[in-house]
Amino acid sequence: MRSVVEAASGVDWSEVHAVRLLGVALAAIFLIWAIKRMFRK
């Protein structure tokens, strides 16, 4: 990953934030699904 200073120079922060939130949401959904699947067996 690039440093914060490098990223700040030429990056739209709203886009970065949206992508980060999307990644966190997908990870959370995947974890919940995996845990549910574990307990189902």
PDB file of N, CA and C in Angstrom:
ATOM      1  N   MET A   1       0.827  -1.206   0.000  1.00  0.00           N
ATOM      2  CA  MET A   1       0.000   0.000   0.000  1.00  0.00           C
ATOM      3  C   MET A   1       0.860   1.253   0.000  1.00  0.00           C
ATOM      4  N   ARG A   2       0.390   2.288  -0.668  1.00  0.00           N
ATOM      5  CA  ARG A   2       1.171   3.525  -0.734  1.00  0.00           C
ATOM      6  C   ARG A   2       1.050   4.286   0.581  1.00  0.00           C
ATOM      7  N   SER A   3       2.023   5.164   0.792  1.00  0.00           N
ATOM      8  CA  SER A   3       1.993   5.969   2.014  1.00  0.00           C
ATOM      9  C   SER A   3       0.875   6.989   1.944  1.00  0.00           C
ATOM     10  N   VAL A   4       0.492   7.514   3.089  1.00  0.00           N
ATOM     11  CA  VAL A   4      -0.603   8.480   3.154  1.00  0.00           C
ATOM     12  C   VAL A   4      -0.263   9.737   2.370  1.00  0.00           C
ATOM     13  N   VAL A   5       0.996  10.179   2.482  1.00  0.00           N
ATOM     14  CA  VAL A   5       1.409  11.406   1.785  1.00  0.00           C
ATOM     15  C   VAL A   5       1.311  11.210   0.275  1.00  0.00           C
ATOM     16  N   GLU A   6       1.755  10.067  -0.211  1.00  0.00           N
ATOM     17  CA  GLU A   6       1.694   9.771  -1.643  1.00  0.00           C
ATOM     18  C   GLU A   6       0.247   9.741  -2.113  1.00  0.00           C
ATOM     19  N   ALA A   7      -0.613   9.057  -1.352  1.00  0.00           N
ATOM     20  CA  ALA A   7      -2.011   8.909  -1.744  1.00  0.00           C
ATOM     21  C   ALA A   7      -2.727  10.254  -1.737  1.00  0.00           C
ATOM     22  N   ALA A   8      -2.358  11.130  -0.791  1.00  0.00           N
ATOM     23  CA  ALA A   8      -3.065  12.410  -0.644  1.00  0.00           C
ATOM     24  C   ALA A   8      -2.828  13.313  -1.839  1.00  0.00           C
ATOM     25  N   SER A   9      -1.706  13.134  -2.541  1.00  0.00           N
ATOM     26  CA  SER A   9      -1.346  14.080  -3.595  1.00  0.00           C
ATOM     27  C   SER A   9      -2.256  13.964  -4.811  1.00  0.00           C
ATOM     28  N   GLY A  10      -2.701  12.759  -5.175  1.00  0.00           N
ATOM     29  CA  GLY A  10      -3.456  12.644  -6.426  1.00  0.00           C
ATOM     30  C   GLY A  10      -4.620  11.676  -6.362  1.00  0.00           C
ATOM     31  N   VAL A  11      -5.298  11.606  -5.217  1.00  0.00           N
ATOM     32  CA  VAL A  11      -6.371  10.624  -5.048  1.00  0.00           C
ATOM     33  C   VAL A  11      -7.622  11.321  -4.545  1.00  0.00           C
ATOM     34  N   ASP A  12      -8.776  10.904  -5.110  1.00  0.00           N
ATOM     35  CA  ASP A  12     -10.053  11.425  -4.617  1.00  0.00           C
ATOM     36  C   ASP A  12     -10.406  10.671  -3.335  1.00  0.00           C
ATOM     37  N   TRP A  13     -10.387  11.382  -2.202  1.00  0.00           N
ATOM     38  CA  TRP A  13     -10.541  10.702  -0.908  1.00  0.00           C
ATOM     39  C   TRP A  13     -11.915  10.074  -0.729  1.00  0.00           C
ATOM     40  N   SER A  14     -12.958  10.660  -1.357  1.00  0.00           N
ATOM     41  CA  SER A  14     -14.284  10.068  -1.237  1.00  0.00           C
ATOM     42  C   SER A  14     -14.304   8.688  -1.891  1.00  0.00           C
ATOM     43  N   GLU A  15     -13.576   8.563  -3.010  1.00  0.00           N
ATOM     44  CA  GLU A  15     -13.490   7.260  -3.675  1.00  0.00           C
ATOM     45  C   GLU A  15     -12.749   6.259  -2.806  1.00  0.00           C
ATOM     46  N   VAL A  16     -11.620   6.695  -2.260  1.00  0.00           N
ATOM     47  CA  VAL A  16     -10.824   5.812  -1.397  1.00  0.00           C
ATOM     48  C   VAL A  16     -11.665   5.343  -0.219  1.00  0.00           C
ATOM     49  N   HIS A  17     -12.401   6.279   0.382  1.00  0.00           N
ATOM     50  CA  HIS A  17     -13.218   5.954   1.550  1.00  0.00           C
ATOM     51  C   HIS A  17     -14.324   4.973   1.176  1.00  0.00           C
ATOM     52  N   ALA A  18     -14.957   5.183   0.027  1.00  0.00           N
ATOM     53  CA  ALA A  18     -16.039   4.302  -0.410  1.00  0.00           C
ATOM     54  C   ALA A  18     -15.513   2.889  -0.651  1.00  0.00           C
ATOM     55  N   VAL A  19     -14.366   2.794  -1.307  1.00  0.00           N
ATOM     56  CA  VAL A  19     -13.789   1.475  -1.583  1.00  0.00           C
ATOM     57  C   VAL A  19     -13.427   0.769  -0.284  1.00  0.00           C
ATOM     58  N   ARG A  20     -12.860   1.538   0.673  1.00  0.00           N
ATOM     59  CA  ARG A  20     -12.481   0.954   1.958  1.00  0.00           C
ATOM     60  C   ARG A  20     -13.715   0.450   2.702  1.00  0.00           C
ATOM     61  N   LEU A  21     -14.784   1.270   2.703  1.00  0.00           N
ATOM     62  CA  LEU A  21     -16.019   0.862   3.378  1.00  0.00           C
ATOM     63  C   LEU A  21     -16.611  -0.374   2.718  1.00  0.00           C
ATOM     64  N   LEU A  22     -16.584  -0.419   1.387  1.00  0.00           N
ATOM     65  CA  LEU A  22     -17.106  -1.576   0.662  1.00  0.00           C
ATOM     66  C   LEU A  22     -16.328  -2.833   1.036  1.00  0.00           C
ATOM     67  N   GLY A  23     -15.013  -2.709   1.114  1.00  0.00           N
ATOM     68  CA  GLY A  23     -14.187  -3.846   1.490  1.00  0.00           C
ATOM     69  C   GLY A  23     -14.504  -4.343   2.891  1.00  0.00           C
ATOM     70  N   VAL A  24     -14.670  -3.400   3.820  1.00  0.00           N
ATOM     71  CA  VAL A  24     -14.991  -3.777   5.199  1.00  0.00           C
ATOM     72  C   VAL A  24     -16.357  -4.451   5.262  1.00  0.00           C
ATOM     73  N   ALA A  25     -17.319  -3.908   4.529  1.00  0.00           N
ATOM     74  CA  ALA A  25     -18.670  -4.486   4.526  1.00  0.00           C
ATOM     75  C   ALA A  25     -18.647  -5.902   3.955  1.00  0.00           C
ATOM     76  N   LEU A  26     -17.929  -6.089   2.853  1.00  0.00           N
ATOM     77  CA  LEU A  26     -17.850  -7.425   2.247  1.00  0.00           C
ATOM     78  C   LEU A  26     -17.173  -8.411   3.191  1.00  0.00           C
ATOM     79  N   ALA A  27     -16.121  -7.964   3.865  1.00  0.00           N
ATOM     80  CA  ALA A  27     -15.422  -8.838   4.802  1.00  0.00           C
ATOM     81  C   ALA A  27     -16.347  -9.239   5.954  1.00  0.00           C
ATOM     82  N   ALA A  28     -17.134  -8.263   6.463  1.00  0.00           N
ATOM     83  CA  ALA A  28     -18.048  -8.544   7.568  1.00  0.00           C
ATOM     84  C   ALA A  28     -19.113  -9.542   7.132  1.00  0.00           C
ATOM     85  N   ILE A  29     -19.677  -9.336   5.944  1.00  0.00           N
ATOM     86  CA  ILE A  29     -20.703 -10.256   5.434  1.00  0.00           C
ATOM     87  C   ILE A  29     -20.123 -11.653   5.275  1.00  0.00           C
ATOM     88  N   PHE A  30     -18.910 -11.739   4.736  1.00  0.00           N
ATOM     89  CA  PHE A  30     -18.265 -13.042   4.544  1.00  0.00           C
ATOM     90  C   PHE A  30     -18.029 -13.743   5.882  1.00  0.00           C
ATOM     91  N   LEU A  31     -17.569 -12.972   6.887  1.00  0.00           N
ATOM     92  CA  LEU A  31     -17.322 -13.556   8.203  1.00  0.00           C
ATOM     93  C   LEU A  31     -18.610 -14.076   8.821  1.00  0.00           C
ATOM     94  N   ILE A  32     -19.680 -13.283   8.742  1.00  0.00           N
ATOM     95  CA  ILE A  32     -20.966 -13.703   9.309  1.00  0.00           C
ATOM     96  C   ILE A  32     -21.455 -14.972   8.612  1.00  0.00           C
ATOM     97  N   TRP A  33     -21.323 -15.002   7.274  1.00  0.00           N
ATOM     98  CA  TRP A  33     -21.749 -16.176   6.510  1.00  0.00           C
ATOM     99  C   TRP A  33     -20.939 -17.407   6.925  1.00  0.00           C
ATOM    100  N   ALA A  34     -19.641 -17.233   7.081  1.00  0.00           N
ATOM    101  CA  ALA A  34     -18.777 -18.360   7.440  1.00  0.00           C
ATOM    102  C   ALA A  34     -19.115 -18.880   8.831  1.00  0.00           C
ATOM    103  N   ILE A  35     -19.362 -17.961   9.777  1.00  0.00           N
ATOM    104  CA  ILE A  35     -19.689 -18.381  11.138  1.00  0.00           C
ATOM    105  C   ILE A  35     -21.040 -19.114  11.156  1.00  0.00           C
ATOM    106  N   LYS A  36     -22.025 -18.569  10.445  1.00  0.00           N
ATOM    107  CA  LYS A  36     -23.334 -19.231  10.375  1.00  0.00           C
ATOM    108  C   LYS A  36     -23.183 -20.630   9.786  1.00  0.00           C
ATOM    109  N   ARG A  37     -22.351 -20.743   8.738  1.00  0.00           N
ATOM    110  CA  ARG A  37     -22.175 -22.024   8.078  1.00  0.00           C
ATOM    111  C   ARG A  37     -21.509 -23.021   9.040  1.00  0.00           C
ATOM    112  N   MET A  38     -20.570 -22.535   9.842  1.00  0.00           N
ATOM    113  CA  MET A  38     -19.907 -23.403  10.822  1.00  0.00           C
ATOM    114  C   MET A  38     -20.907 -23.969  11.820  1.00  0.00           C
ATOM    115  N   PHE A  39     -21.776 -23.100  12.357  1.00  0.00           N
ATOM    116  CA  PHE A  39     -22.695 -23.540  13.394  1.00  0.00           C
ATOM    117  C   PHE A  39     -23.833 -24.387  12.829  1.00  0.00           C
ATOM    118  N   ARG A  40     -24.097 -24.281  11.531  1.00  0.00           N
ATOM    119  CA  ARG A  40     -25.187 -25.025  10.933  1.00  0.00           C
ATOM    120  C   ARG A  40     -24.889 -26.517  10.919  1.00  0.00           C
ATOM    121  N   LYS A  41     -23.605 -26.882  10.796  1.00  0.00           N
ATOM    122  CA  LYS A  41     -23.246 -28.301  10.700  1.00  0.00           C
ATOM    123  C   LYS A  41     -23.283 -28.992  12.052  1.00  0.00           C
TER     124      LYS A  41
END
